[in-house]
């Protein structure tokens, strides 16, 4: 309980987490907007993006680059849940997305 309270009171860390999450979202959603890729505008620590491919294939292809993407969300089999990570990791994701799906 003390650790939870200390974490709750750590305003500096909370601000850091919010800033880095916002940056990660700007990297990914910015690319999706520029490329005309349908996605959900999110303020959370994840987003959804329509890949145009079955999620099982998408998962396998990204795993080849050591990227794990979300599970299927039937009936949205062509949509991918994408959790945010560090901004540099999200830049790597975008670079890989471009390589795999143009």
N, C-alpha and C. Protein backbone atom coordinates (compact mmCIF):
# COMPACT_ATOMS: atom_id res chain seq x y z
N UNK A 1 0.82 -1.18 0.00
CA UNK A 1 0.00 0.00 0.00
C UNK A 1 0.87 1.26 0.00
N UNK A 2 1.95 1.23 0.74
CA UNK A 2 2.83 2.40 0.78
C UNK A 2 3.43 2.69 -0.59
N UNK A 3 3.81 1.62 -1.28
CA UNK A 3 4.38 1.80 -2.62
C UNK A 3 3.34 2.41 -3.56
N UNK A 4 2.11 1.95 -3.46
CA UNK A 4 1.04 2.49 -4.30
C UNK A 4 0.83 3.97 -4.02
N UNK A 5 0.82 4.34 -2.76
CA UNK A 5 0.64 5.75 -2.39
C UNK A 5 1.82 6.59 -2.86
N UNK A 6 3.03 6.07 -2.71
CA UNK A 6 4.21 6.80 -3.16
C UNK A 6 4.16 7.02 -4.67
N UNK A 7 3.75 5.99 -5.38
CA UNK A 7 3.63 6.10 -6.83
C UNK A 7 2.58 7.14 -7.21
N UNK A 8 1.47 7.12 -6.52
CA UNK A 8 0.39 8.07 -6.78
C UNK A 8 0.85 9.51 -6.54
N UNK A 9 1.70 9.69 -5.56
CA UNK A 9 2.16 11.04 -5.20
C UNK A 9 3.32 11.53 -6.06
N UNK A 10 3.89 10.66 -6.86
CA UNK A 10 5.06 11.02 -7.68
C UNK A 10 4.58 11.75 -8.94
N UNK A 11 4.30 13.02 -8.81
CA UNK A 11 3.74 13.82 -9.91
C UNK A 11 4.73 13.95 -11.07
N UNK A 12 6.01 14.00 -10.76
CA UNK A 12 7.02 14.13 -11.81
C UNK A 12 7.02 12.90 -12.72
N UNK A 13 6.96 11.74 -12.13
CA UNK A 13 6.94 10.51 -12.93
C UNK A 13 5.64 10.42 -13.74
N UNK A 14 4.53 10.77 -13.12
CA UNK A 14 3.25 10.75 -13.84
C UNK A 14 3.29 11.68 -15.05
N UNK A 15 3.86 12.85 -14.89
CA UNK A 15 3.98 13.80 -16.01
C UNK A 15 4.89 13.23 -17.10
N UNK A 16 5.97 12.57 -16.70
CA UNK A 16 6.88 11.93 -17.66
C UNK A 16 6.15 10.86 -18.48
N UNK A 17 5.39 10.03 -17.81
CA UNK A 17 4.65 8.95 -18.49
C UNK A 17 3.65 9.54 -19.47
N UNK A 18 2.92 10.56 -19.06
CA UNK A 18 1.95 11.20 -19.96
C UNK A 18 2.63 11.82 -21.17
N UNK A 19 3.77 12.48 -20.95
CA UNK A 19 4.51 13.11 -22.05
C UNK A 19 5.01 12.07 -23.05
N UNK A 20 5.61 11.00 -22.55
CA UNK A 20 6.17 10.00 -23.47
C UNK A 20 5.06 9.25 -24.20
N UNK A 21 3.93 9.01 -23.53
CA UNK A 21 2.81 8.36 -24.20
C UNK A 21 2.25 9.26 -25.31
N UNK A 22 2.14 10.55 -25.01
CA UNK A 22 1.66 11.50 -26.01
C UNK A 22 2.59 11.53 -27.22
N UNK A 23 3.90 11.52 -26.96
CA UNK A 23 4.87 11.51 -28.06
C UNK A 23 4.75 10.24 -28.89
N UNK A 24 4.58 9.10 -28.23
CA UNK A 24 4.44 7.83 -28.94
C UNK A 24 3.18 7.83 -29.81
N UNK A 25 2.09 8.37 -29.28
CA UNK A 25 0.86 8.47 -30.07
C UNK A 25 1.05 9.41 -31.26
N UNK A 26 1.74 10.52 -31.06
CA UNK A 26 1.98 11.46 -32.16
C UNK A 26 2.79 10.81 -33.27
N UNK A 27 3.76 9.99 -32.91
CA UNK A 27 4.59 9.30 -33.90
C UNK A 27 3.74 8.35 -34.73
N UNK A 28 2.98 7.49 -34.06
CA UNK A 28 2.22 6.47 -34.78
C UNK A 28 1.01 7.06 -35.49
N UNK A 29 0.20 7.81 -34.78
CA UNK A 29 -1.01 8.36 -35.39
C UNK A 29 -0.67 9.41 -36.44
N UNK A 30 0.43 10.12 -36.24
CA UNK A 30 0.88 11.06 -37.26
C UNK A 30 1.19 10.35 -38.56
N UNK A 31 1.89 9.22 -38.46
CA UNK A 31 2.19 8.44 -39.66
C UNK A 31 0.90 7.93 -40.30
N UNK A 32 0.00 7.37 -39.50
CA UNK A 32 -1.24 6.84 -40.05
C UNK A 32 -2.03 7.94 -40.77
N UNK A 33 -2.09 9.13 -40.18
CA UNK A 33 -2.80 10.24 -40.83
C UNK A 33 -2.13 10.62 -42.15
N UNK A 34 -0.81 10.79 -42.13
CA UNK A 34 -0.07 11.17 -43.34
C UNK A 34 -0.23 10.14 -44.45
N UNK A 35 -0.26 8.87 -44.07
CA UNK A 35 -0.34 7.79 -45.05
C UNK A 35 -1.79 7.48 -45.44
N UNK A 36 -2.75 8.13 -44.81
CA UNK A 36 -4.16 7.88 -45.12
C UNK A 36 -4.64 6.52 -44.61
N UNK A 37 -4.03 6.04 -43.54
CA UNK A 37 -4.39 4.74 -42.97
C UNK A 37 -5.45 4.96 -41.90
N UNK A 38 -6.55 4.24 -42.05
CA UNK A 38 -7.67 4.37 -41.11
C UNK A 38 -7.25 3.88 -39.73
N UNK A 39 -7.54 4.68 -38.72
CA UNK A 39 -7.18 4.33 -37.34
C UNK A 39 -8.11 5.08 -36.38
N UNK A 40 -8.04 4.69 -35.14
CA UNK A 40 -8.82 5.36 -34.10
C UNK A 40 -7.92 6.40 -33.44
N UNK A 41 -8.32 7.66 -33.46
CA UNK A 41 -7.56 8.68 -32.72
C UNK A 41 -7.73 8.40 -31.24
N UNK A 42 -6.63 8.25 -30.56
CA UNK A 42 -6.65 7.82 -29.17
C UNK A 42 -5.86 8.77 -28.29
N UNK A 43 -6.27 8.85 -27.05
CA UNK A 43 -5.52 9.55 -26.02
C UNK A 43 -5.07 8.56 -24.94
N UNK A 44 -5.28 7.29 -25.20
CA UNK A 44 -4.92 6.23 -24.24
C UNK A 44 -3.51 5.73 -24.54
N UNK A 45 -3.16 4.61 -23.96
CA UNK A 45 -1.83 4.04 -24.21
C UNK A 45 -1.86 2.99 -25.32
N UNK A 46 -2.89 3.05 -26.15
CA UNK A 46 -2.99 2.16 -27.31
C UNK A 46 -3.88 2.82 -28.34
N UNK A 47 -3.85 2.27 -29.55
CA UNK A 47 -4.75 2.70 -30.60
C UNK A 47 -5.13 1.47 -31.42
N UNK A 48 -6.07 1.62 -32.33
CA UNK A 48 -6.42 0.58 -33.28
C UNK A 48 -6.17 1.11 -34.67
N UNK A 49 -5.67 0.24 -35.54
CA UNK A 49 -5.38 0.63 -36.91
C UNK A 49 -5.88 -0.46 -37.85
N UNK A 50 -6.50 -0.04 -38.96
CA UNK A 50 -6.97 -0.99 -39.96
C UNK A 50 -5.81 -1.32 -40.90
N UNK A 51 -5.39 -2.57 -40.90
CA UNK A 51 -4.23 -2.98 -41.70
C UNK A 51 -4.60 -3.45 -43.09
N UNK A 52 -5.85 -3.90 -43.27
CA UNK A 52 -6.24 -4.47 -44.56
C UNK A 52 -5.80 -5.92 -44.71
N UNK A 53 -5.25 -6.49 -43.65
CA UNK A 53 -4.77 -7.88 -43.66
C UNK A 53 -5.25 -8.58 -42.40
N UNK A 54 -5.41 -9.89 -42.48
CA UNK A 54 -5.82 -10.66 -41.31
C UNK A 54 -4.79 -10.49 -40.19
N UNK A 55 -5.28 -10.29 -38.98
CA UNK A 55 -4.40 -9.99 -37.85
C UNK A 55 -3.41 -11.11 -37.57
N UNK A 56 -3.77 -12.36 -37.85
CA UNK A 56 -2.82 -13.46 -37.62
C UNK A 56 -1.59 -13.30 -38.51
N UNK A 57 -1.81 -12.90 -39.76
CA UNK A 57 -0.68 -12.64 -40.67
C UNK A 57 0.14 -11.45 -40.19
N UNK A 58 -0.56 -10.40 -39.78
CA UNK A 58 0.12 -9.19 -39.31
C UNK A 58 0.98 -9.50 -38.09
N UNK A 59 0.42 -10.26 -37.15
CA UNK A 59 1.19 -10.64 -35.95
C UNK A 59 2.46 -11.38 -36.33
N UNK A 60 2.32 -12.36 -37.23
CA UNK A 60 3.48 -13.17 -37.63
C UNK A 60 4.54 -12.32 -38.32
N UNK A 61 4.12 -11.42 -39.19
CA UNK A 61 5.09 -10.60 -39.91
C UNK A 61 5.83 -9.64 -38.97
N UNK A 62 5.11 -9.02 -38.05
CA UNK A 62 5.78 -8.12 -37.11
C UNK A 62 6.69 -8.87 -36.15
N UNK A 63 6.30 -10.08 -35.80
CA UNK A 63 7.13 -10.86 -34.88
C UNK A 63 8.50 -11.14 -35.48
N UNK A 64 8.58 -11.22 -36.81
CA UNK A 64 9.88 -11.40 -37.47
C UNK A 64 10.83 -10.24 -37.16
N UNK A 65 10.27 -9.10 -36.78
CA UNK A 65 11.06 -7.91 -36.43
C UNK A 65 11.03 -7.64 -34.92
N UNK A 66 10.68 -8.68 -34.17
CA UNK A 66 10.62 -8.60 -32.70
C UNK A 66 9.61 -7.57 -32.19
N UNK A 67 8.52 -7.42 -32.92
CA UNK A 67 7.44 -6.53 -32.50
C UNK A 67 6.21 -7.39 -32.26
N UNK A 68 5.64 -7.25 -31.08
CA UNK A 68 4.41 -7.97 -30.75
C UNK A 68 3.25 -6.99 -30.81
N UNK A 69 2.25 -7.35 -31.58
CA UNK A 69 1.05 -6.52 -31.68
C UNK A 69 -0.11 -7.28 -31.07
N UNK A 70 -1.22 -6.58 -30.86
CA UNK A 70 -2.35 -7.13 -30.11
C UNK A 70 -3.04 -8.32 -30.73
N UNK A 71 -3.82 -8.96 -29.89
CA UNK A 71 -4.59 -10.14 -30.26
C UNK A 71 -5.74 -9.76 -31.19
N UNK A 72 -6.35 -10.76 -31.82
CA UNK A 72 -7.53 -10.48 -32.65
C UNK A 72 -8.70 -9.93 -31.82
N UNK A 73 -9.48 -9.07 -32.43
CA UNK A 73 -10.69 -8.54 -31.82
C UNK A 73 -11.86 -8.78 -32.78
N UNK A 74 -12.31 -10.05 -32.88
CA UNK A 74 -13.41 -10.36 -33.79
C UNK A 74 -14.60 -9.45 -33.50
N UNK A 75 -15.28 -9.00 -34.50
CA UNK A 75 -15.16 -9.36 -35.91
C UNK A 75 -14.18 -8.46 -36.68
N UNK A 76 -13.39 -7.68 -36.00
CA UNK A 76 -12.47 -6.75 -36.67
C UNK A 76 -11.13 -7.41 -36.95
N UNK A 77 -11.14 -8.41 -37.82
CA UNK A 77 -9.96 -9.24 -38.08
C UNK A 77 -8.87 -8.49 -38.85
N UNK A 78 -9.22 -7.38 -39.49
CA UNK A 78 -8.24 -6.59 -40.23
C UNK A 78 -7.75 -5.38 -39.44
N UNK A 79 -8.09 -5.34 -38.18
CA UNK A 79 -7.67 -4.24 -37.32
C UNK A 79 -6.64 -4.75 -36.32
N UNK A 80 -5.69 -3.90 -35.98
CA UNK A 80 -4.62 -4.25 -35.06
C UNK A 80 -4.67 -3.32 -33.85
N UNK A 81 -4.65 -3.92 -32.66
CA UNK A 81 -4.50 -3.13 -31.44
C UNK A 81 -3.01 -2.89 -31.26
N UNK A 82 -2.64 -1.65 -31.10
CA UNK A 82 -1.24 -1.28 -30.99
C UNK A 82 -1.02 -0.54 -29.67
N UNK A 83 -0.31 -1.19 -28.76
CA UNK A 83 0.04 -0.57 -27.48
C UNK A 83 1.22 0.36 -27.68
N UNK A 84 1.20 1.47 -26.96
CA UNK A 84 2.30 2.42 -27.06
C UNK A 84 3.49 1.94 -26.23
N UNK A 85 4.67 2.28 -26.70
CA UNK A 85 5.92 1.97 -26.01
C UNK A 85 6.75 3.25 -25.99
N UNK A 86 8.02 3.12 -25.76
CA UNK A 86 8.90 4.29 -25.77
C UNK A 86 8.89 4.92 -27.17
N UNK A 87 9.03 6.23 -27.26
CA UNK A 87 9.02 6.88 -28.58
C UNK A 87 9.98 6.26 -29.59
N UNK A 88 11.19 5.91 -29.19
CA UNK A 88 12.13 5.28 -30.12
C UNK A 88 11.60 3.94 -30.62
N UNK A 89 10.93 3.21 -29.76
CA UNK A 89 10.36 1.92 -30.16
C UNK A 89 9.20 2.13 -31.13
N UNK A 90 8.45 3.20 -30.95
CA UNK A 90 7.34 3.48 -31.86
C UNK A 90 7.87 3.97 -33.21
N UNK A 91 9.00 4.65 -33.23
CA UNK A 91 9.63 5.01 -34.51
C UNK A 91 10.05 3.74 -35.26
N UNK A 92 10.59 2.77 -34.53
CA UNK A 92 10.96 1.49 -35.12
C UNK A 92 9.72 0.77 -35.65
N UNK A 93 8.61 0.84 -34.91
CA UNK A 93 7.37 0.24 -35.39
C UNK A 93 6.95 0.87 -36.71
N UNK A 94 6.95 2.20 -36.78
CA UNK A 94 6.53 2.90 -38.00
C UNK A 94 7.45 2.52 -39.16
N UNK A 95 8.74 2.49 -38.92
CA UNK A 95 9.71 2.10 -39.95
C UNK A 95 9.39 0.68 -40.45
N UNK A 96 9.09 -0.22 -39.53
CA UNK A 96 8.78 -1.60 -39.89
C UNK A 96 7.45 -1.68 -40.62
N UNK A 97 6.45 -0.92 -40.17
CA UNK A 97 5.15 -0.91 -40.83
C UNK A 97 5.31 -0.48 -42.29
N UNK A 98 6.10 0.56 -42.51
CA UNK A 98 6.35 1.02 -43.88
C UNK A 98 7.00 -0.06 -44.72
N UNK A 99 7.94 -0.77 -44.13
CA UNK A 99 8.64 -1.84 -44.84
C UNK A 99 7.69 -2.98 -45.20
N UNK A 100 6.80 -3.33 -44.29
CA UNK A 100 5.91 -4.47 -44.50
C UNK A 100 4.69 -4.13 -45.35
N UNK A 101 4.12 -2.94 -45.13
CA UNK A 101 2.84 -2.63 -45.76
C UNK A 101 2.85 -1.33 -46.57
N UNK A 102 4.03 -0.75 -46.76
CA UNK A 102 4.18 0.41 -47.62
C UNK A 102 3.51 1.62 -47.15
